């Protein structure tokens, strides 16, 4: 399974949208390392804009999902 590093903000948004017992591992840099499945990794790779961090991509996608659901 691929591992990604994400920010605190991104981790909090993921936890709010997709509750899970898997919290990942906090790194010395302050970021979080989490495992994702291959399908999710491929979807992130396709959705990511040039120069965009993985965290920013995830945040953007979740905001779009929430907007479409009428939560924003």
C-alpha atoms as a PDB file:
ATOM      1  CA  UNK A   1       0.000   0.000   0.000  1.00  0.00           C
ATOM      2  CA  UNK A   2       1.303   3.462  -0.830  1.00  0.00           C
ATOM      3  CA  UNK A   3       2.089   5.834   2.026  1.00  0.00           C
ATOM      4  CA  UNK A   4       1.571   9.587   1.863  1.00  0.00           C
ATOM      5  CA  UNK A   5       2.534  12.469   4.127  1.00  0.00           C
ATOM      6  CA  UNK A   6      -0.225  14.935   4.947  1.00  0.00           C
ATOM      7  CA  UNK A   7      -0.651  18.032   7.106  1.00  0.00           C
ATOM      8  CA  UNK A   8      -2.605  18.258  10.368  1.00  0.00           C
ATOM      9  CA  UNK A   9      -5.355  20.191   8.583  1.00  0.00           C
ATOM     10  CA  UNK A  10      -5.681  17.556   5.891  1.00  0.00           C
ATOM     11  CA  UNK A  11      -5.750  14.740   8.455  1.00  0.00           C
ATOM     12  CA  UNK A  12      -8.479  16.523  10.454  1.00  0.00           C
ATOM     13  CA  UNK A  13     -10.612  17.003   7.344  1.00  0.00           C
ATOM     14  CA  UNK A  14     -10.170  13.356   6.339  1.00  0.00           C
ATOM     15  CA  UNK A  15     -11.142  12.236   9.858  1.00  0.00           C
ATOM     16  CA  UNK A  16     -14.271  14.412   9.767  1.00  0.00           C
ATOM     17  CA  UNK A  17     -15.346  13.099   6.358  1.00  0.00           C
ATOM     18  CA  UNK A  18     -14.247   9.467   6.680  1.00  0.00           C
ATOM     19  CA  UNK A  19     -14.226   8.290  10.325  1.00  0.00           C
ATOM     20  CA  UNK A  20     -11.674   5.525  10.862  1.00  0.00           C
ATOM     21  CA  UNK A  21      -9.643   3.962  13.642  1.00  0.00           C
ATOM     22  CA  UNK A  22      -6.497   4.227  11.510  1.00  0.00           C
ATOM     23  CA  UNK A  23      -4.897   7.522  12.510  1.00  0.00           C
ATOM     24  CA  UNK A  24      -1.533   7.077  10.853  1.00  0.00           C
ATOM     25  CA  UNK A  25       1.815   7.976  12.339  1.00  0.00           C
ATOM     26  CA  UNK A  26       2.901  11.474  13.343  1.00  0.00           C
ATOM     27  CA  UNK A  27       6.345  12.290  11.952  1.00  0.00           C
ATOM     28  CA  UNK A  28       9.045  14.476  13.476  1.00  0.00           C
ATOM     29  CA  UNK A  29       8.269  17.102  10.816  1.00  0.00           C
ATOM     30  CA  UNK A  30       4.754  17.481  12.246  1.00  0.00           C
ATOM     31  CA  UNK A  31       3.137  15.847   9.241  1.00  0.00           C
ATOM     32  CA  UNK A  32       1.254  12.556   9.312  1.00  0.00           C
ATOM     33  CA  UNK A  33       2.144   9.424   7.387  1.00  0.00           C
ATOM     34  CA  UNK A  34      -0.854   7.332   6.361  1.00  0.00           C
ATOM     35  CA  UNK A  35      -1.399   4.359   4.118  1.00  0.00           C
ATOM     36  CA  UNK A  36      -3.857   4.508   1.253  1.00  0.00           C
ATOM     37  CA  UNK A  37      -4.954   1.855  -1.177  1.00  0.00           C
ATOM     38  CA  UNK A  38      -3.681   1.744  -4.742  1.00  0.00           C
ATOM     39  CA  UNK A  39      -6.980   2.936  -6.247  1.00  0.00           C
ATOM     40  CA  UNK A  40      -7.016   6.008  -4.000  1.00  0.00           C
ATOM     41  CA  UNK A  41      -3.379   6.721  -4.876  1.00  0.00           C
ATOM     42  CA  UNK A  42      -4.182   6.584  -8.597  1.00  0.00           C
ATOM     43  CA  UNK A  43      -7.199   8.873  -8.149  1.00  0.00           C
ATOM     44  CA  UNK A  44      -5.090  11.391  -6.203  1.00  0.00           C
ATOM     45  CA  UNK A  45      -2.402  11.267  -8.859  1.00  0.00           C
ATOM     46  CA  UNK A  46      -4.985  12.077 -11.556  1.00  0.00           C
ATOM     47  CA  UNK A  47      -6.674  14.846  -9.531  1.00  0.00           C
ATOM     48  CA  UNK A  48      -3.476  16.567  -8.420  1.00  0.00           C
ATOM     49  CA  UNK A  49      -2.648  19.835 -10.139  1.00  0.00           C
ATOM     50  CA  UNK A  50       0.919  20.794 -11.102  1.00  0.00           C
ATOM     51  CA  UNK A  51       2.784  22.005  -8.019  1.00  0.00           C
ATOM     52  CA  UNK A  52      -0.066  21.022  -5.683  1.00  0.00           C
ATOM     53  CA  UNK A  53       0.806  19.075  -2.549  1.00  0.00           C
ATOM     54  CA  UNK A  54      -0.972  15.824  -1.750  1.00  0.00           C
ATOM     55  CA  UNK A  55      -2.577  17.533   1.275  1.00  0.00           C
ATOM     56  CA  UNK A  56      -3.841  20.451  -0.796  1.00  0.00           C
ATOM     57  CA  UNK A  57      -5.267  18.071  -3.387  1.00  0.00           C
ATOM     58  CA  UNK A  58      -7.099  16.032  -0.744  1.00  0.00           C
ATOM     59  CA  UNK A  59      -8.468  19.184   0.914  1.00  0.00           C
ATOM     60  CA  UNK A  60      -9.658  20.534  -2.451  1.00  0.00           C
ATOM     61  CA  UNK A  61     -11.377  17.264  -3.383  1.00  0.00           C
ATOM     62  CA  UNK A  62     -13.129  16.957  -0.002  1.00  0.00           C
ATOM     63  CA  UNK A  63     -14.344  20.567  -0.197  1.00  0.00           C
ATOM     64  CA  UNK A  64     -15.760  19.868  -3.670  1.00  0.00           C
ATOM     65  CA  UNK A  65     -17.526  16.753  -2.345  1.00  0.00           C
ATOM     66  CA  UNK A  66     -18.978  18.702   0.584  1.00  0.00           C
ATOM     67  CA  UNK A  67     -20.097  21.502  -1.717  1.00  0.00           C
ATOM     68  CA  UNK A  68     -21.874  19.047  -4.006  1.00  0.00           C
ATOM     69  CA  UNK A  69     -23.635  17.573  -0.971  1.00  0.00           C
ATOM     70  CA  UNK A  70     -24.736  21.052   0.066  1.00  0.00           C
ATOM     71  CA  UNK A  71     -22.609  21.085   3.218  1.00  0.00           C
ATOM     72  CA  UNK A  72     -20.778  24.289   2.301  1.00  0.00           C
END
